[in-house]
Amino acid sequence: GETSVPVGLPAKTVLGQETDSIARGKLRAFLAREGVPEGPGTSVLVNRRLYDPSGSRKYRVPDVRLRDTETILEGTIGSKTPTDPQIVDFGNFSGGYRVILVRPQRVGLESGGR
C-alpha cells in the first residue's frame, strides 16, 4: 500500500513508524502462533513502556524486552549507538538489562542475480 507523509513530518520518520507497526504486528502474531504469552506479567514484552525506577515518570518504549534473559532488543533502520540517550535509558531503567541493537539485513536478489 501507499503511505502518505503528513506535512511537516520527515518521510524517514513516517517510514520508520510504519515499519515499526508492521514489525510489531508480525512479531505478536508469531508469538501467538507459538503459544508464547506477551504483555504485562509475562516474560516477553513487545512495545511496552519501561518506566524510570527513580520515580521521575519518564519512560522509554523498547521494541522487545525479554525478562528471563534480561535482554532488550531494539530494531533500527537508523544509526542508533549504545551511547544514544534512548539506549542508555533502556539499560538504566531496566536495572542493567543487556541492550542489543538489531539492524535489518538486505533480503532478496541483487539486480541481475538469480
Protein backbone atom coordinates (compact mmCIF):
# COMPACT_ATOMS: atom_id res chain seq x y z
CA GLY A 1 0.00 0.00 0.00
CA GLU A 2 0.88 3.62 -0.10
CA THR A 3 1.98 5.72 2.81
CA SER A 4 1.13 9.39 2.91
CA VAL A 5 3.52 11.75 4.65
CA PRO A 6 1.81 14.44 6.73
CA VAL A 7 3.01 17.97 6.16
CA GLY A 8 5.87 18.84 8.49
CA LEU A 9 6.98 15.25 9.16
CA PRO A 10 10.11 13.84 7.55
CA ALA A 11 9.44 10.91 5.22
CA LYS A 12 12.02 8.78 7.07
CA THR A 13 10.13 9.28 10.34
CA VAL A 14 6.87 8.15 8.78
CA LEU A 15 8.59 5.18 7.11
CA GLY A 16 10.13 4.19 10.44
CA GLN A 17 6.76 4.38 12.21
CA GLU A 18 5.08 2.30 9.52
CA THR A 19 7.90 -0.27 9.59
CA ASP A 20 7.73 -0.49 13.40
CA SER A 21 3.97 -1.01 13.32
CA ILE A 22 4.19 -3.82 10.76
CA ALA A 23 7.06 -5.50 12.61
CA ARG A 24 5.20 -5.34 15.95
CA GLY A 25 2.12 -6.90 14.41
CA LYS A 26 4.09 -9.71 12.81
CA LEU A 27 6.03 -10.38 16.00
CA ARG A 28 2.89 -10.52 18.13
CA ALA A 29 1.25 -12.85 15.58
CA PHE A 30 4.33 -15.11 15.64
CA LEU A 31 4.34 -15.22 19.44
CA ALA A 32 0.63 -16.10 19.47
CA ARG A 33 1.11 -18.90 16.91
CA GLU A 34 3.95 -20.29 19.01
CA GLY A 35 1.93 -20.10 22.21
CA VAL A 36 4.24 -17.56 23.83
CA PRO A 37 2.34 -15.14 26.06
CA GLU A 38 3.18 -11.45 25.64
CA GLY A 39 2.35 -8.49 27.81
CA PRO A 40 2.38 -7.27 31.40
CA GLY A 41 3.08 -10.08 33.83
CA THR A 42 4.79 -12.25 31.21
CA SER A 43 8.41 -12.81 30.25
CA VAL A 44 8.04 -11.22 26.82
CA LEU A 45 7.01 -7.60 26.34
CA VAL A 46 6.62 -6.08 22.87
CA ASN A 47 6.48 -2.29 22.63
CA ARG A 48 5.59 -1.76 26.31
CA ARG A 49 6.58 1.19 28.46
CA LEU A 50 9.67 0.86 30.63
CA TYR A 51 9.50 3.41 33.45
CA ASP A 52 12.38 5.15 35.17
CA PRO A 53 12.61 3.45 38.57
CA SER A 54 13.62 6.75 40.23
CA GLY A 55 10.00 7.89 40.07
CA SER A 56 10.62 10.68 37.54
CA ARG A 57 7.61 9.45 35.48
CA LYS A 58 9.90 9.29 32.44
CA TYR A 59 9.67 6.20 30.31
CA ARG A 60 11.06 4.59 27.18
CA VAL A 61 9.46 2.03 24.89
CA PRO A 62 11.85 -0.72 23.83
CA ASP A 63 10.81 -2.90 20.90
CA VAL A 64 11.20 -6.18 22.79
CA ARG A 65 12.01 -6.84 26.44
CA LEU A 66 12.88 -10.38 27.48
CA ARG A 67 12.66 -10.65 31.26
CA ASP A 68 14.03 -14.18 31.63
CA THR A 69 17.32 -13.30 29.90
CA GLU A 70 17.36 -9.64 30.99
CA THR A 71 17.71 -8.57 27.36
CA ILE A 72 16.23 -5.72 25.34
CA LEU A 73 16.09 -5.97 21.55
CA GLU A 74 15.82 -2.64 19.75
CA GLY A 75 15.35 -2.65 16.00
CA THR A 76 16.56 0.27 13.96
CA ILE A 77 16.95 1.34 10.37
CA GLY A 78 18.79 4.40 11.61
CA SER A 79 22.13 4.96 13.23
CA LYS A 80 21.45 4.28 16.92
CA THR A 81 24.50 3.58 19.05
CA PRO A 82 24.98 2.24 22.59
CA THR A 83 25.66 5.80 23.79
CA ASP A 84 22.39 7.30 22.49
CA PRO A 85 20.23 8.58 25.38
CA GLN A 86 17.40 6.19 24.48
CA ILE A 87 19.70 3.16 24.63
CA VAL A 88 21.40 4.33 27.84
CA ASP A 89 17.96 4.80 29.41
CA PHE A 90 16.95 1.26 28.42
CA GLY A 91 19.86 -0.07 30.45
CA ASN A 92 19.30 2.27 33.38
CA PHE A 93 15.51 1.96 33.56
CA SER A 94 15.65 -1.85 33.32
CA GLY A 95 18.21 -2.27 36.08
CA GLY A 96 21.00 -3.30 33.75
CA TYR A 97 19.45 -5.41 31.01
CA ARG A 98 21.72 -6.05 28.04
CA VAL A 99 20.59 -3.99 25.03
CA ILE A 100 21.05 -5.43 21.56
CA LEU A 101 20.58 -3.19 18.54
CA VAL A 102 19.06 -5.12 15.64
CA ARG A 103 19.58 -3.82 12.12
CA PRO A 104 17.83 -5.32 9.08
CA GLN A 105 19.85 -7.18 6.53
CA ARG A 106 19.12 -6.95 2.86
CA VAL A 107 16.89 -9.81 1.75
CA GLY A 108 16.21 -10.86 -1.81
CA LEU A 109 18.03 -10.95 -5.09
CA GLU A 110 20.51 -8.37 -6.23
CA SER A 111 19.64 -6.86 -9.60
CA GLY A 112 20.83 -9.20 -12.31
CA GLY A 113 21.13 -12.04 -9.75
CA ARG A 114 19.43 -15.39 -9.71
